[in-house]
Amino acid sequence: MAADARDEVSPRRYIRLRAEAVGFALGSLCFIVGALPWYADAVGAVATGVTFFTGSVLFTVAGAIQLLLSGRHVPRSGATAADRFDWWSAAVQSVGTVLFNVSTLAALLAAVAAPDAVGTGWRSNAWGSLAFLVSGALALAAARRRHELWHVRARTPQAAWLNMIGSVAFGVSAVGAYVVPETTTFVSLFWANLGTVLGGLCFLAAAVLVRPGATASVARA
């Protein structure tokens, strides 16, 4: 595909790019707010659980849009290396968001059943965080060859690095949320919450500061 063709975005894809950015931005805000201790104290365990579950659903919708933009099927012969990295990054990320759906829903149901129980509340899911880390690494690989992608701004280095840092922060949160065997204590509740907040901030920055600006410039081109 010629370089100039990769600089063009159809109206349908433009709308999807914007929807993807909005979904990740709003989902990130939910994770940021939900991880703030004062918020949980103010609204209670159930409302906090709803906040996290809503954020995970928004992530899943945004991730599905990103996968749709990357192509519905696994890249076949003739696809560039960047297209393959891009598709697998979106696919693995979608798996991670579904895992977050499961863990946030389980935490919400537990909060509804026993809102005052010790340890009630969502903590970063280890498997979901691992999926985000793998997805982040694949996104970085795609960003290095972005001239081969369906659009040159589909993966930008800034967004890829922000998402990777956010994935690492979610991983730190998952480690902090690990319950020490034969105890009811976390490795570090401080890092469990801080990792989620920092990860959410990185994802928010990638969605709001990088993607919308890039797509807007394409729409005017």
Protein backbone atom coordinates (compact mmCIF):
# COMPACT_ATOMS: atom_id res chain seq x y z
CA MET A 1 0.00 0.00 0.00
CA ALA A 2 1.34 3.42 -0.89
CA ALA A 3 2.50 5.72 1.87
CA ASP A 4 -0.09 8.40 1.02
CA ALA A 5 -2.93 5.85 1.26
CA ARG A 6 -1.83 4.98 4.75
CA ASP A 7 -2.24 8.65 5.69
CA GLU A 8 -5.97 8.59 4.90
CA VAL A 9 -8.78 7.56 7.24
CA SER A 10 -12.31 6.84 6.03
CA PRO A 11 -15.16 8.50 7.97
CA ARG A 12 -16.21 5.12 9.42
CA ARG A 13 -12.73 4.32 10.68
CA TYR A 14 -12.37 7.86 12.00
CA ILE A 15 -15.52 7.42 14.10
CA ARG A 16 -14.23 4.07 15.38
CA LEU A 17 -10.88 5.59 16.32
CA ARG A 18 -12.64 8.30 18.28
CA ALA A 19 -14.92 5.77 19.96
CA GLU A 20 -11.91 3.63 20.88
CA ALA A 21 -10.16 6.63 22.44
CA VAL A 22 -13.28 7.68 24.38
CA GLY A 23 -13.82 4.14 25.64
CA PHE A 24 -10.27 3.76 26.92
CA ALA A 25 -10.34 7.27 28.43
CA LEU A 26 -13.59 6.74 30.35
CA GLY A 27 -12.55 3.23 31.40
CA SER A 28 -9.25 4.59 32.70
CA LEU A 29 -11.08 7.23 34.74
CA CYS A 30 -13.18 4.50 36.35
CA PHE A 31 -10.07 2.55 37.40
CA ILE A 32 -8.35 5.69 38.68
CA VAL A 33 -11.32 6.81 40.77
CA GLY A 34 -12.14 3.30 42.00
CA ALA A 35 -8.60 2.80 43.34
CA LEU A 36 -8.67 5.98 45.45
CA PRO A 37 -9.22 4.95 49.10
CA TRP A 38 -11.23 8.07 49.94
CA TYR A 39 -13.65 7.29 47.11
CA ALA A 40 -14.23 3.76 48.38
CA ASP A 41 -14.76 5.10 51.91
CA ALA A 42 -17.23 7.69 50.64
CA VAL A 43 -19.42 5.56 48.37
CA GLY A 44 -18.99 2.08 49.84
CA ALA A 45 -17.84 -1.28 48.53
CA VAL A 46 -20.77 -1.91 46.18
CA ALA A 47 -20.56 1.45 44.37
CA THR A 48 -16.79 1.04 44.11
CA GLY A 49 -17.33 -2.41 42.62
CA VAL A 50 -19.74 -0.94 40.07
CA THR A 51 -17.12 1.66 39.18
CA PHE A 52 -14.45 -0.96 38.50
CA PHE A 53 -16.85 -3.21 36.57
CA THR A 54 -17.98 -0.28 34.42
CA GLY A 55 -14.36 0.58 33.69
CA SER A 56 -13.61 -2.99 32.63
CA VAL A 57 -16.62 -3.07 30.29
CA LEU A 58 -15.53 0.21 28.69
CA PHE A 59 -12.05 -1.27 28.22
CA THR A 60 -13.57 -4.34 26.56
CA VAL A 61 -15.68 -2.26 24.17
CA ALA A 62 -12.70 -0.05 23.28
CA GLY A 63 -10.47 -3.11 22.86
CA ALA A 64 -13.02 -4.74 20.57
CA ILE A 65 -13.10 -1.61 18.42
CA GLN A 66 -9.30 -1.64 18.23
CA LEU A 67 -9.33 -5.30 17.19
CA LEU A 68 -11.96 -4.51 14.55
CA LEU A 69 -9.76 -1.73 13.19
CA SER A 70 -6.81 -4.13 13.09
CA GLY A 71 -8.84 -6.66 11.05
CA ARG A 72 -11.42 -9.26 12.01
CA HIS A 73 -9.20 -12.22 11.09
CA VAL A 74 -5.68 -13.27 11.95
CA PRO A 75 -3.36 -11.57 9.42
CA ARG A 76 -2.74 -13.93 6.53
CA SER A 77 0.03 -14.26 3.96
CA GLY A 78 0.99 -10.91 2.54
CA ALA A 79 0.37 -9.02 5.78
CA THR A 80 3.22 -6.88 7.00
CA ALA A 81 5.07 -7.61 10.24
CA ALA A 82 3.56 -4.46 11.73
CA ASP A 83 0.02 -5.60 10.85
CA ARG A 84 0.66 -8.91 12.58
CA PHE A 85 2.02 -7.23 15.72
CA ASP A 86 -0.91 -4.79 15.67
CA TRP A 87 -3.53 -7.53 15.37
CA TRP A 88 -2.03 -9.76 18.05
CA SER A 89 -1.60 -6.79 20.38
CA ALA A 90 -5.29 -5.94 20.03
CA ALA A 91 -6.33 -9.60 20.36
CA VAL A 92 -4.30 -10.26 23.51
CA GLN A 93 -5.45 -6.98 25.01
CA SER A 94 -9.07 -7.99 24.39
CA VAL A 95 -8.46 -11.22 26.29
CA GLY A 96 -7.02 -9.16 29.13
CA THR A 97 -10.07 -6.91 29.26
CA VAL A 98 -12.38 -9.93 29.44
CA LEU A 99 -10.33 -11.27 32.34
CA PHE A 100 -10.81 -7.91 34.05
CA ASN A 101 -14.55 -8.21 33.35
CA VAL A 102 -14.60 -11.53 35.18
CA SER A 103 -12.55 -10.35 38.17
CA THR A 104 -14.38 -7.03 38.59
CA LEU A 105 -17.78 -8.76 38.34
CA ALA A 106 -16.71 -11.34 40.94
CA ALA A 107 -15.55 -8.53 43.25
CA LEU A 108 -18.82 -6.67 42.73
CA LEU A 109 -20.93 -9.73 43.54
CA ALA A 110 -18.81 -10.38 46.65
CA ALA A 111 -19.34 -6.78 47.75
CA VAL A 112 -23.10 -7.10 47.27
CA ALA A 113 -23.12 -10.29 49.35
CA ALA A 114 -20.90 -8.96 52.15
CA PRO A 115 -20.02 -5.25 51.76
CA ASP A 116 -18.33 -5.05 55.16
CA ALA A 117 -16.21 -8.18 54.87
CA VAL A 118 -12.43 -7.83 55.27
CA GLY A 119 -10.68 -7.56 51.92
CA THR A 120 -13.84 -6.83 49.95
CA GLY A 121 -13.12 -4.92 46.76
CA TRP A 122 -11.44 -5.41 43.41
CA ARG A 123 -7.67 -5.70 43.09
CA SER A 124 -5.74 -5.85 39.82
CA ASN A 125 -6.08 -9.27 38.21
CA ALA A 126 -2.74 -11.03 37.65
CA TRP A 127 -3.70 -12.79 34.41
CA GLY A 128 -5.37 -9.71 32.98
CA SER A 129 -2.30 -7.65 33.85
CA LEU A 130 -0.05 -10.23 32.18
CA ALA A 131 -2.16 -10.04 29.02
CA PHE A 132 -1.82 -6.25 29.05
CA LEU A 133 1.97 -6.58 29.38
CA VAL A 134 2.18 -8.94 26.40
CA SER A 135 -0.13 -6.67 24.42
CA GLY A 136 2.01 -3.66 25.30
CA ALA A 137 5.17 -5.37 24.06
CA LEU A 138 3.47 -6.27 20.77
CA ALA A 139 2.19 -2.70 20.40
CA LEU A 140 5.73 -1.37 20.79
CA ALA A 141 6.89 -3.75 18.06
CA ALA A 142 4.08 -2.50 15.79
CA ALA A 143 4.90 1.14 16.55
CA ARG A 144 8.48 0.61 15.42
CA ARG A 145 7.18 -0.34 11.96
CA ARG A 146 4.13 1.90 11.90
CA HIS A 147 4.79 2.94 8.31
CA GLU A 148 3.55 -0.57 7.41
CA LEU A 149 0.26 -0.34 9.34
CA TRP A 150 -3.18 0.25 7.87
CA HIS A 151 -2.69 3.82 9.04
CA VAL A 152 0.58 5.46 10.05
CA ARG A 153 -0.96 6.78 13.27
CA ALA A 154 -2.72 3.55 14.25
CA ARG A 155 0.16 2.90 16.66
CA THR A 156 2.27 5.84 17.79
CA PRO A 157 5.43 5.47 19.90
CA GLN A 158 4.01 7.83 22.54
CA ALA A 159 0.79 5.86 22.98
CA ALA A 160 2.61 2.52 22.85
CA TRP A 161 5.04 3.52 25.59
CA LEU A 162 2.31 5.04 27.76
CA ASN A 163 0.28 1.85 27.47
CA MET A 164 3.33 -0.28 28.25
CA ILE A 165 4.13 1.77 31.36
CA GLY A 166 0.49 1.53 32.37
CA SER A 167 0.59 -2.24 31.92
CA VAL A 168 3.68 -2.46 34.13
CA ALA A 169 1.90 -0.38 36.77
CA PHE A 170 -1.10 -2.74 36.64
CA GLY A 171 1.36 -5.62 37.06
CA VAL A 172 2.83 -3.95 40.15
CA SER A 173 -0.72 -3.52 41.44
CA ALA A 174 -1.39 -7.24 40.93
CA VAL A 175 1.74 -8.14 42.92
CA GLY A 176 0.74 -5.75 45.70
CA ALA A 177 -2.74 -7.28 45.78
CA TYR A 178 -1.41 -10.82 46.28
CA VAL A 179 -2.67 -12.26 49.56
CA VAL A 180 0.10 -13.83 51.62
CA PRO A 181 -0.67 -17.56 52.11
CA GLU A 182 -2.30 -18.50 55.42
CA THR A 183 -2.98 -14.82 56.17
CA THR A 184 -5.56 -12.22 55.23
CA THR A 185 -3.01 -9.53 54.44
CA PHE A 186 -1.93 -8.19 51.06
CA VAL A 187 1.70 -7.90 50.05
CA SER A 188 1.12 -4.14 49.86
CA LEU A 189 -2.31 -2.54 49.68
CA PHE A 190 -0.57 0.79 49.07
CA TRP A 191 1.11 -0.47 45.88
CA ALA A 192 -2.04 -2.34 44.86
CA ASN A 193 -3.97 0.95 44.81
CA LEU A 194 -1.12 3.14 43.57
CA GLY A 195 -0.31 0.77 40.70
CA THR A 196 -3.92 0.87 39.55
CA VAL A 197 -4.04 4.67 39.75
CA LEU A 198 -0.75 5.11 37.88
CA GLY A 199 -1.74 2.54 35.26
CA GLY A 200 -5.06 4.28 34.75
CA LEU A 201 -3.33 7.64 34.37
CA CYS A 202 -1.02 6.22 31.69
CA PHE A 203 -3.92 4.66 29.77
CA LEU A 204 -5.86 7.91 30.09
CA ALA A 205 -2.93 9.94 28.78
CA ALA A 206 -2.50 7.58 25.82
CA ALA A 207 -6.18 7.81 24.93
CA VAL A 208 -6.82 11.51 25.53
CA LEU A 209 -3.52 13.18 24.73
CA VAL A 210 -2.29 11.06 21.85
CA ARG A 211 -5.07 9.29 19.99
CA PRO A 212 -7.73 12.04 19.72
CA GLY A 213 -5.18 14.60 18.56
CA ALA A 214 -3.85 12.26 15.89
CA THR A 215 -7.27 11.31 14.58
CA ALA A 216 -8.47 14.92 14.55
CA SER A 217 -5.54 15.94 12.36
CA VAL A 218 -6.40 13.12 9.96
CA ALA A 219 -10.03 14.22 9.74
CA ARG A 220 -8.96 17.70 8.61
CA ALA A 221 -6.41 16.36 6.13
